């Protein structure tokens, strides 16, 4: 992880002290990467669909969620743990006329 961070920062001509890497590395390891609407997104290890929706600002909004190609019922959001590599599609429902 530290090597990857150094490489990414070297590409951008950013100098990161080792102390920053030592602090950030454990934080990065407590996260997972999912695909959210086709893009990589990091979230907390142990996150549920409900906590992800809250993180995204969709907690109080009606949404459709598909996880790894399967639509989820809203009643299942809280009990659905996200895993590293999961693919989620989140679509906000809007009404209009």
C-alpha atoms as a PDB file:
ATOM      1  CA  UNK A   1       0.000   0.000   0.000  1.00  0.00           C
ATOM      2  CA  UNK A   2       2.757   2.448   0.932  1.00  0.00           C
ATOM      3  CA  UNK A   3       4.584   1.664  -2.307  1.00  0.00           C
ATOM      4  CA  UNK A   4       1.401   2.306  -4.315  1.00  0.00           C
ATOM      5  CA  UNK A   5       0.846   5.640  -2.537  1.00  0.00           C
ATOM      6  CA  UNK A   6       4.432   6.690  -3.213  1.00  0.00           C
ATOM      7  CA  UNK A   7       4.065   5.733  -6.883  1.00  0.00           C
ATOM      8  CA  UNK A   8       0.815   7.686  -7.297  1.00  0.00           C
ATOM      9  CA  UNK A   9       2.286  10.722  -5.591  1.00  0.00           C
ATOM     10  CA  UNK A  10       5.509  10.533  -7.607  1.00  0.00           C
ATOM     11  CA  UNK A  11       3.444  10.620 -10.804  1.00  0.00           C
ATOM     12  CA  UNK A  12       1.913  13.878  -9.596  1.00  0.00           C
ATOM     13  CA  UNK A  13       5.174  15.273  -8.177  1.00  0.00           C
ATOM     14  CA  UNK A  14       3.779  15.193  -4.648  1.00  0.00           C
ATOM     15  CA  UNK A  15       6.125  14.421  -1.774  1.00  0.00           C
ATOM     16  CA  UNK A  16       4.521  12.440   1.038  1.00  0.00           C
ATOM     17  CA  UNK A  17       6.431  11.994   4.272  1.00  0.00           C
ATOM     18  CA  UNK A  18       6.609   8.455   5.633  1.00  0.00           C
ATOM     19  CA  UNK A  19       4.653   9.569   8.683  1.00  0.00           C
ATOM     20  CA  UNK A  20       1.638  10.392   6.482  1.00  0.00           C
ATOM     21  CA  UNK A  21       1.811   6.969   4.875  1.00  0.00           C
ATOM     22  CA  UNK A  22       2.046   5.344   8.304  1.00  0.00           C
ATOM     23  CA  UNK A  23      -1.086   7.210   9.408  1.00  0.00           C
ATOM     24  CA  UNK A  24      -3.111   6.708   6.209  1.00  0.00           C
ATOM     25  CA  UNK A  25      -2.287   3.067   5.535  1.00  0.00           C
ATOM     26  CA  UNK A  26      -4.356   1.613   8.405  1.00  0.00           C
ATOM     27  CA  UNK A  27      -7.268   3.845   7.416  1.00  0.00           C
ATOM     28  CA  UNK A  28      -7.114   2.610   3.826  1.00  0.00           C
ATOM     29  CA  UNK A  29      -7.016  -1.012   4.996  1.00  0.00           C
ATOM     30  CA  UNK A  30     -10.276  -0.477   6.890  1.00  0.00           C
ATOM     31  CA  UNK A  31     -11.995   0.317   3.609  1.00  0.00           C
ATOM     32  CA  UNK A  32     -13.245  -1.661   0.657  1.00  0.00           C
ATOM     33  CA  UNK A  33     -13.590  -0.662  -2.971  1.00  0.00           C
ATOM     34  CA  UNK A  34     -16.891  -1.228  -4.735  1.00  0.00           C
ATOM     35  CA  UNK A  35     -18.091  -0.252  -8.182  1.00  0.00           C
ATOM     36  CA  UNK A  36     -20.788   2.388  -7.721  1.00  0.00           C
ATOM     37  CA  UNK A  37     -22.688   3.219 -10.880  1.00  0.00           C
ATOM     38  CA  UNK A  38     -19.696   2.015 -12.878  1.00  0.00           C
ATOM     39  CA  UNK A  39     -17.016   3.914 -10.954  1.00  0.00           C
ATOM     40  CA  UNK A  40     -14.700   2.839  -8.140  1.00  0.00           C
ATOM     41  CA  UNK A  41     -15.861   4.021  -4.728  1.00  0.00           C
ATOM     42  CA  UNK A  42     -14.185   3.435  -1.345  1.00  0.00           C
ATOM     43  CA  UNK A  43     -16.330   2.862   1.694  1.00  0.00           C
ATOM     44  CA  UNK A  44     -15.902   1.475   5.195  1.00  0.00           C
ATOM     45  CA  UNK A  45     -15.289  -2.212   5.739  1.00  0.00           C
ATOM     46  CA  UNK A  46     -18.531  -3.604   7.196  1.00  0.00           C
ATOM     47  CA  UNK A  47     -20.695  -1.040   5.401  1.00  0.00           C
ATOM     48  CA  UNK A  48     -24.276  -1.918   4.561  1.00  0.00           C
ATOM     49  CA  UNK A  49     -26.392  -0.608   1.720  1.00  0.00           C
ATOM     50  CA  UNK A  50     -28.121   1.639   4.266  1.00  0.00           C
ATOM     51  CA  UNK A  51     -24.857   3.139   5.503  1.00  0.00           C
ATOM     52  CA  UNK A  52     -23.654   3.671   1.925  1.00  0.00           C
ATOM     53  CA  UNK A  53     -26.896   5.467   1.020  1.00  0.00           C
ATOM     54  CA  UNK A  54     -26.456   7.671   4.087  1.00  0.00           C
ATOM     55  CA  UNK A  55     -22.844   8.388   3.090  1.00  0.00           C
ATOM     56  CA  UNK A  56     -24.061   9.398  -0.380  1.00  0.00           C
ATOM     57  CA  UNK A  57     -26.826  11.658   0.994  1.00  0.00           C
ATOM     58  CA  UNK A  58     -29.669   9.376  -0.140  1.00  0.00           C
ATOM     59  CA  UNK A  59     -30.818   8.213   3.321  1.00  0.00           C
ATOM     60  CA  UNK A  60     -34.208   9.928   3.174  1.00  0.00           C
ATOM     61  CA  UNK A  61     -34.770   9.577  -0.569  1.00  0.00           C
ATOM     62  CA  UNK A  62     -36.483   6.778  -2.474  1.00  0.00           C
ATOM     63  CA  UNK A  63     -33.901   4.807  -4.450  1.00  0.00           C
ATOM     64  CA  UNK A  64     -33.556   1.603  -6.409  1.00  0.00           C
ATOM     65  CA  UNK A  65     -30.465  -0.460  -5.620  1.00  0.00           C
ATOM     66  CA  UNK A  66     -29.020  -3.308  -7.640  1.00  0.00           C
ATOM     67  CA  UNK A  67     -26.140  -5.324  -6.172  1.00  0.00           C
ATOM     68  CA  UNK A  68     -24.143  -7.589  -8.458  1.00  0.00           C
ATOM     69  CA  UNK A  69     -27.015  -7.708 -10.936  1.00  0.00           C
ATOM     70  CA  UNK A  70     -29.763  -8.415  -8.394  1.00  0.00           C
ATOM     71  CA  UNK A  71     -32.344  -5.821  -7.350  1.00  0.00           C
ATOM     72  CA  UNK A  72     -32.677  -5.368  -3.592  1.00  0.00           C
ATOM     73  CA  UNK A  73     -35.827  -4.682  -1.624  1.00  0.00           C
ATOM     74  CA  UNK A  74     -35.543  -1.610   0.624  1.00  0.00           C
ATOM     75  CA  UNK A  75     -36.293  -3.848   3.615  1.00  0.00           C
ATOM     76  CA  UNK A  76     -33.015  -5.687   2.868  1.00  0.00           C
ATOM     77  CA  UNK A  77     -30.765  -2.597   2.702  1.00  0.00           C
ATOM     78  CA  UNK A  78     -29.813  -2.645   6.401  1.00  0.00           C
ATOM     79  CA  UNK A  79     -28.883  -6.328   6.433  1.00  0.00           C
ATOM     80  CA  UNK A  80     -26.936  -6.342   3.160  1.00  0.00           C
ATOM     81  CA  UNK A  81     -23.212  -6.085   3.871  1.00  0.00           C
ATOM     82  CA  UNK A  82     -21.055  -4.753   1.074  1.00  0.00           C
ATOM     83  CA  UNK A  83     -18.026  -6.765  -0.008  1.00  0.00           C
ATOM     84  CA  UNK A  84     -14.862  -5.637  -1.725  1.00  0.00           C
ATOM     85  CA  UNK A  85     -15.523  -5.706  -5.472  1.00  0.00           C
ATOM     86  CA  UNK A  86     -19.324  -5.542  -5.286  1.00  0.00           C
ATOM     87  CA  UNK A  87     -20.998  -3.736  -8.180  1.00  0.00           C
ATOM     88  CA  UNK A  88     -23.842  -1.457  -7.137  1.00  0.00           C
ATOM     89  CA  UNK A  89     -26.209   0.608  -9.208  1.00  0.00           C
ATOM     90  CA  UNK A  90     -28.071   3.261  -7.231  1.00  0.00           C
ATOM     91  CA  UNK A  91     -30.876   5.132  -8.963  1.00  0.00           C
ATOM     92  CA  UNK A  92     -32.778   7.931  -7.275  1.00  0.00           C
ATOM     93  CA  UNK A  93     -36.534   7.813  -7.903  1.00  0.00           C
ATOM     94  CA  UNK A  94     -38.019  11.156  -8.891  1.00  0.00           C
ATOM     95  CA  UNK A  95     -41.608  11.983  -9.661  1.00  0.00           C
ATOM     96  CA  UNK A  96     -42.688  14.596 -12.079  1.00  0.00           C
ATOM     97  CA  UNK A  97     -45.159  15.445 -14.664  1.00  0.00           C
END
